[in-house]
N, C-alpha and C. Protein backbone atom coordinates (compact mmCIF):
# COMPACT_ATOMS: atom_id res chain seq x y z
N MET A 1 8.09 -51.90 15.58
CA MET A 1 8.96 -51.09 14.74
C MET A 1 8.16 -50.46 13.61
N LYS A 2 7.30 -51.29 12.96
CA LYS A 2 6.52 -50.77 11.84
C LYS A 2 5.52 -49.71 12.31
N LYS A 3 4.91 -49.94 13.48
CA LYS A 3 3.95 -48.96 14.00
C LYS A 3 4.63 -47.64 14.33
N GLY A 4 5.83 -47.72 14.89
CA GLY A 4 6.57 -46.51 15.21
C GLY A 4 6.95 -45.73 13.97
N LEU A 5 7.39 -46.44 12.93
CA LEU A 5 7.75 -45.78 11.68
C LEU A 5 6.53 -45.18 11.02
N TRP A 6 5.42 -45.90 11.06
CA TRP A 6 4.18 -45.39 10.48
C TRP A 6 3.71 -44.15 11.22
N LEU A 7 3.77 -44.19 12.54
CA LEU A 7 3.37 -43.05 13.36
C LEU A 7 4.27 -41.85 13.10
N LEU A 8 5.55 -42.07 12.98
CA LEU A 8 6.49 -40.99 12.70
C LEU A 8 6.22 -40.36 11.34
N SER A 9 5.93 -41.17 10.33
CA SER A 9 5.65 -40.63 9.00
C SER A 9 4.34 -39.84 8.98
N VAL A 10 3.33 -40.29 9.70
CA VAL A 10 2.06 -39.56 9.78
C VAL A 10 2.27 -38.22 10.48
N MET A 11 3.04 -38.22 11.55
CA MET A 11 3.32 -36.96 12.24
C MET A 11 4.09 -36.00 11.35
N PHE A 12 5.01 -36.50 10.55
CA PHE A 12 5.77 -35.65 9.63
C PHE A 12 4.85 -35.04 8.58
N ILE A 13 3.94 -35.83 8.04
CA ILE A 13 3.02 -35.32 7.02
C ILE A 13 2.10 -34.26 7.61
N ILE A 14 1.60 -34.50 8.80
CA ILE A 14 0.72 -33.52 9.44
C ILE A 14 1.47 -32.22 9.73
N ALA A 15 2.72 -32.31 10.13
CA ALA A 15 3.51 -31.12 10.43
C ALA A 15 3.82 -30.32 9.18
N CYS A 16 3.88 -30.96 8.04
CA CYS A 16 4.25 -30.28 6.81
C CYS A 16 3.07 -29.71 6.04
N VAL A 17 1.86 -30.01 6.46
CA VAL A 17 0.68 -29.50 5.76
C VAL A 17 0.59 -28.00 5.98
N LYS A 18 0.41 -27.27 4.89
CA LYS A 18 0.32 -25.82 4.97
C LYS A 18 -1.14 -25.41 4.89
N THR A 19 -1.59 -24.61 5.82
CA THR A 19 -2.97 -24.16 5.79
C THR A 19 -3.08 -22.95 4.86
N ILE A 20 -4.18 -22.91 4.13
CA ILE A 20 -4.42 -21.81 3.20
C ILE A 20 -5.39 -20.85 3.88
N PRO A 21 -5.01 -19.57 3.98
CA PRO A 21 -5.92 -18.63 4.62
C PRO A 21 -7.21 -18.47 3.81
N GLY A 22 -8.31 -18.20 4.49
CA GLY A 22 -9.60 -18.03 3.84
C GLY A 22 -9.85 -16.61 3.38
N VAL A 23 -8.83 -15.90 2.95
CA VAL A 23 -8.95 -14.52 2.51
C VAL A 23 -9.01 -14.50 0.99
N LYS A 24 -9.99 -13.77 0.46
CA LYS A 24 -10.16 -13.69 -0.98
C LYS A 24 -9.59 -12.39 -1.50
N VAL A 25 -9.01 -12.43 -2.69
CA VAL A 25 -8.52 -11.22 -3.35
C VAL A 25 -9.70 -10.60 -4.09
N ALA A 26 -9.93 -9.31 -3.87
CA ALA A 26 -11.10 -8.64 -4.43
C ALA A 26 -10.69 -7.37 -5.16
N GLU A 27 -11.66 -6.78 -5.85
CA GLU A 27 -11.49 -5.48 -6.49
C GLU A 27 -12.25 -4.45 -5.66
N GLU A 28 -12.00 -3.18 -5.94
CA GLU A 28 -12.63 -2.10 -5.17
C GLU A 28 -14.15 -2.19 -5.18
N THR A 29 -14.75 -2.53 -6.32
CA THR A 29 -16.21 -2.57 -6.41
C THR A 29 -16.81 -3.70 -5.60
N MET A 30 -16.02 -4.71 -5.30
CA MET A 30 -16.54 -5.88 -4.60
C MET A 30 -16.57 -5.72 -3.09
N ILE A 31 -15.91 -4.71 -2.55
CA ILE A 31 -15.81 -4.59 -1.09
C ILE A 31 -16.57 -3.38 -0.56
N GLN A 32 -17.46 -2.82 -1.35
CA GLN A 32 -18.26 -1.69 -0.88
C GLN A 32 -19.19 -2.17 0.22
N GLY A 33 -19.25 -1.45 1.30
CA GLY A 33 -20.06 -1.84 2.44
C GLY A 33 -19.32 -2.73 3.43
N CYS A 34 -18.07 -3.03 3.16
CA CYS A 34 -17.26 -3.85 4.07
C CYS A 34 -16.47 -2.95 5.02
N ASP A 35 -16.06 -3.49 6.13
CA ASP A 35 -15.28 -2.74 7.13
C ASP A 35 -13.79 -2.85 6.82
N HIS A 36 -13.13 -1.70 6.74
CA HIS A 36 -11.68 -1.68 6.54
C HIS A 36 -11.01 -2.02 7.86
N ILE A 37 -10.12 -3.01 7.83
CA ILE A 37 -9.44 -3.43 9.06
C ILE A 37 -8.07 -2.78 9.17
N ALA A 38 -7.26 -2.93 8.11
CA ALA A 38 -5.88 -2.43 8.18
C ALA A 38 -5.28 -2.38 6.78
N THR A 39 -4.20 -1.61 6.68
CA THR A 39 -3.37 -1.63 5.48
C THR A 39 -2.11 -2.40 5.85
N LEU A 40 -1.85 -3.47 5.12
CA LEU A 40 -0.74 -4.37 5.43
C LEU A 40 0.37 -4.19 4.41
N THR A 41 1.62 -4.13 4.87
CA THR A 41 2.76 -4.00 3.97
C THR A 41 3.84 -5.01 4.36
N GLU A 42 4.58 -5.44 3.37
CA GLU A 42 5.73 -6.32 3.56
C GLU A 42 6.85 -5.84 2.65
N ASN A 43 8.06 -5.81 3.16
CA ASN A 43 9.23 -5.39 2.38
C ASN A 43 10.32 -6.45 2.45
N THR A 44 11.20 -6.42 1.45
CA THR A 44 12.32 -7.36 1.45
C THR A 44 13.45 -6.81 2.31
N ASP A 45 14.39 -7.67 2.59
CA ASP A 45 15.60 -7.28 3.28
C ASP A 45 16.40 -6.37 2.34
N PRO A 46 16.78 -5.17 2.76
CA PRO A 46 17.50 -4.26 1.87
C PRO A 46 18.83 -4.82 1.36
N GLY A 47 19.42 -5.76 2.09
CA GLY A 47 20.70 -6.32 1.67
C GLY A 47 20.58 -7.53 0.77
N ARG A 48 19.36 -8.01 0.57
CA ARG A 48 19.16 -9.21 -0.24
C ARG A 48 19.28 -8.88 -1.72
N ILE A 49 19.93 -9.75 -2.46
CA ILE A 49 20.05 -9.57 -3.91
C ILE A 49 18.75 -10.06 -4.55
N LEU A 50 18.11 -9.19 -5.33
CA LEU A 50 16.87 -9.54 -6.00
C LEU A 50 17.18 -10.12 -7.37
N ASN A 51 16.55 -11.24 -7.67
CA ASN A 51 16.71 -11.82 -9.00
C ASN A 51 15.37 -12.34 -9.48
N ASN A 52 15.32 -12.69 -10.74
CA ASN A 52 14.06 -13.14 -11.34
C ASN A 52 13.76 -14.61 -11.07
N TYR A 53 14.69 -15.33 -10.49
CA TYR A 53 14.52 -16.76 -10.29
C TYR A 53 13.86 -17.10 -8.96
N ARG A 54 13.87 -16.18 -8.05
CA ARG A 54 13.34 -16.43 -6.71
C ARG A 54 11.95 -15.85 -6.57
N ARG A 55 11.00 -16.66 -6.14
CA ARG A 55 9.63 -16.18 -5.95
C ARG A 55 9.53 -15.32 -4.70
N SER A 56 8.76 -14.26 -4.80
CA SER A 56 8.51 -13.40 -3.67
C SER A 56 7.46 -14.03 -2.75
N LYS A 57 7.63 -13.86 -1.45
CA LYS A 57 6.67 -14.42 -0.50
C LYS A 57 5.80 -13.33 0.12
N HIS A 58 5.79 -12.15 -0.49
CA HIS A 58 5.01 -11.05 0.07
C HIS A 58 3.52 -11.37 0.09
N GLN A 59 3.01 -11.94 -0.98
CA GLN A 59 1.59 -12.24 -1.03
C GLN A 59 1.19 -13.21 0.07
N GLU A 60 1.96 -14.26 0.25
CA GLU A 60 1.65 -15.24 1.29
C GLU A 60 1.67 -14.61 2.68
N ARG A 61 2.65 -13.76 2.95
CA ARG A 61 2.74 -13.12 4.26
C ARG A 61 1.55 -12.20 4.51
N ILE A 62 1.18 -11.42 3.49
CA ILE A 62 0.06 -10.49 3.66
C ILE A 62 -1.24 -11.26 3.82
N LEU A 63 -1.45 -12.32 3.03
CA LEU A 63 -2.66 -13.13 3.18
C LEU A 63 -2.74 -13.75 4.57
N SER A 64 -1.61 -14.21 5.08
CA SER A 64 -1.58 -14.81 6.41
C SER A 64 -1.88 -13.77 7.49
N ARG A 65 -1.29 -12.60 7.37
CA ARG A 65 -1.54 -11.54 8.36
C ARG A 65 -3.00 -11.09 8.31
N ALA A 66 -3.57 -10.97 7.10
CA ALA A 66 -4.97 -10.57 6.96
C ALA A 66 -5.88 -11.61 7.59
N SER A 67 -5.57 -12.88 7.39
CA SER A 67 -6.35 -13.96 7.99
C SER A 67 -6.29 -13.89 9.51
N ASN A 68 -5.13 -13.61 10.06
CA ASN A 68 -4.97 -13.51 11.52
C ASN A 68 -5.77 -12.34 12.09
N LEU A 69 -5.99 -11.29 11.29
CA LEU A 69 -6.78 -10.15 11.74
C LEU A 69 -8.28 -10.37 11.57
N GLY A 70 -8.68 -11.47 10.93
CA GLY A 70 -10.09 -11.76 10.72
C GLY A 70 -10.64 -11.17 9.44
N ALA A 71 -9.79 -10.83 8.49
CA ALA A 71 -10.24 -10.26 7.22
C ALA A 71 -10.84 -11.35 6.33
N THR A 72 -11.79 -10.95 5.51
CA THR A 72 -12.36 -11.88 4.54
C THR A 72 -11.89 -11.58 3.12
N HIS A 73 -11.47 -10.33 2.87
CA HIS A 73 -11.03 -9.90 1.53
C HIS A 73 -9.84 -8.97 1.66
N ILE A 74 -9.01 -8.94 0.60
CA ILE A 74 -7.96 -7.94 0.49
C ILE A 74 -8.00 -7.33 -0.91
N VAL A 75 -7.55 -6.10 -1.00
CA VAL A 75 -7.38 -5.42 -2.28
C VAL A 75 -5.91 -5.03 -2.38
N TRP A 76 -5.23 -5.54 -3.41
CA TRP A 76 -3.80 -5.23 -3.57
C TRP A 76 -3.62 -3.78 -3.96
N LEU A 77 -2.74 -3.09 -3.25
CA LEU A 77 -2.36 -1.73 -3.60
C LEU A 77 -1.17 -1.75 -4.55
N TYR A 78 -0.18 -2.58 -4.24
CA TYR A 78 0.94 -2.85 -5.14
C TYR A 78 1.59 -4.16 -4.75
N ASN A 79 2.29 -4.76 -5.72
CA ASN A 79 2.98 -6.02 -5.47
C ASN A 79 4.20 -6.08 -6.39
N TYR A 80 5.35 -5.76 -5.84
CA TYR A 80 6.61 -5.77 -6.57
C TYR A 80 7.59 -6.71 -5.88
N ARG A 81 8.73 -6.94 -6.50
CA ARG A 81 9.75 -7.80 -5.89
C ARG A 81 10.28 -7.19 -4.60
N GLU A 82 10.30 -5.87 -4.52
CA GLU A 82 10.84 -5.19 -3.35
C GLU A 82 9.87 -5.13 -2.19
N GLY A 83 8.57 -5.23 -2.47
CA GLY A 83 7.58 -5.14 -1.40
C GLY A 83 6.17 -5.21 -1.93
N SER A 84 5.23 -5.37 -1.00
CA SER A 84 3.81 -5.48 -1.35
C SER A 84 2.99 -4.75 -0.31
N ALA A 85 1.78 -4.35 -0.71
CA ALA A 85 0.85 -3.73 0.22
C ALA A 85 -0.57 -4.07 -0.21
N ALA A 86 -1.46 -4.19 0.78
CA ALA A 86 -2.86 -4.50 0.51
C ALA A 86 -3.72 -3.94 1.63
N ASP A 87 -4.96 -3.58 1.29
CA ASP A 87 -5.95 -3.19 2.29
C ASP A 87 -6.75 -4.43 2.65
N ALA A 88 -6.94 -4.66 3.95
CA ALA A 88 -7.70 -5.81 4.44
C ALA A 88 -9.09 -5.35 4.85
N TYR A 89 -10.11 -6.14 4.47
CA TYR A 89 -11.50 -5.81 4.76
C TYR A 89 -12.21 -7.02 5.38
N ARG A 90 -13.21 -6.74 6.21
CA ARG A 90 -14.09 -7.78 6.75
C ARG A 90 -15.49 -7.53 6.19
N CYS A 91 -15.98 -8.48 5.40
CA CYS A 91 -17.30 -8.35 4.78
C CYS A 91 -18.25 -9.35 5.43
N ARG A 92 -19.42 -8.88 5.76
CA ARG A 92 -20.43 -9.76 6.36
C ARG A 92 -21.16 -10.56 5.30
N SER A 93 -21.38 -9.98 4.14
CA SER A 93 -22.01 -10.68 3.02
C SER A 93 -21.55 -10.03 1.73
N ILE A 94 -21.93 -10.62 0.61
CA ILE A 94 -21.53 -10.07 -0.69
C ILE A 94 -22.33 -8.81 -0.96
N ALA A 95 -21.65 -7.74 -1.31
CA ALA A 95 -22.31 -6.48 -1.64
C ALA A 95 -23.09 -6.64 -2.95
N PRO A 96 -24.19 -5.91 -3.13
CA PRO A 96 -24.96 -6.03 -4.37
C PRO A 96 -24.14 -5.73 -5.62
N GLU A 97 -23.20 -4.80 -5.52
CA GLU A 97 -22.35 -4.48 -6.66
C GLU A 97 -21.48 -5.66 -7.05
N ALA A 98 -21.01 -6.39 -6.03
CA ALA A 98 -20.17 -7.56 -6.30
C ALA A 98 -21.00 -8.66 -6.94
N ALA A 99 -22.25 -8.85 -6.49
CA ALA A 99 -23.10 -9.86 -7.10
C ALA A 99 -23.38 -9.54 -8.56
N ASN A 100 -23.61 -8.26 -8.86
CA ASN A 100 -23.83 -7.86 -10.24
C ASN A 100 -22.57 -8.08 -11.07
N HIS A 101 -21.41 -7.78 -10.47
CA HIS A 101 -20.14 -7.97 -11.16
C HIS A 101 -19.92 -9.46 -11.49
N LEU A 102 -20.25 -10.34 -10.55
CA LEU A 102 -20.06 -11.77 -10.76
C LEU A 102 -21.05 -12.32 -11.79
N ASN A 103 -22.29 -11.82 -11.78
CA ASN A 103 -23.30 -12.29 -12.72
C ASN A 103 -23.03 -11.81 -14.14
N ALA A 104 -22.33 -10.68 -14.28
CA ALA A 104 -22.03 -10.15 -15.62
C ALA A 104 -21.00 -11.01 -16.34
N ASN A 105 -20.15 -11.72 -15.59
CA ASN A 105 -19.10 -12.53 -16.21
C ASN A 105 -19.61 -13.86 -16.59
């Protein structure tokens, strides 16, 4: 009985673990020399009531979609309660401009 309960709880924990996509949010100067993959957009349901208490899931959806496409970086075009958009890029290495930008900070 104890082994079954322990096994069930371990399976529940494993099922609830959320994976974090390996996509980084970047600025325009950081993605020079990278390949543009796609422009991703997400919108809310037009019938849904928007309020300030509910968190938007647009960022999570776009990050997940970019990860599925093999992107390494995204640049946000806009992010509002009604919708979000970002350009997805695949970078092979850090561009020299990005290294200079990181060293300056």
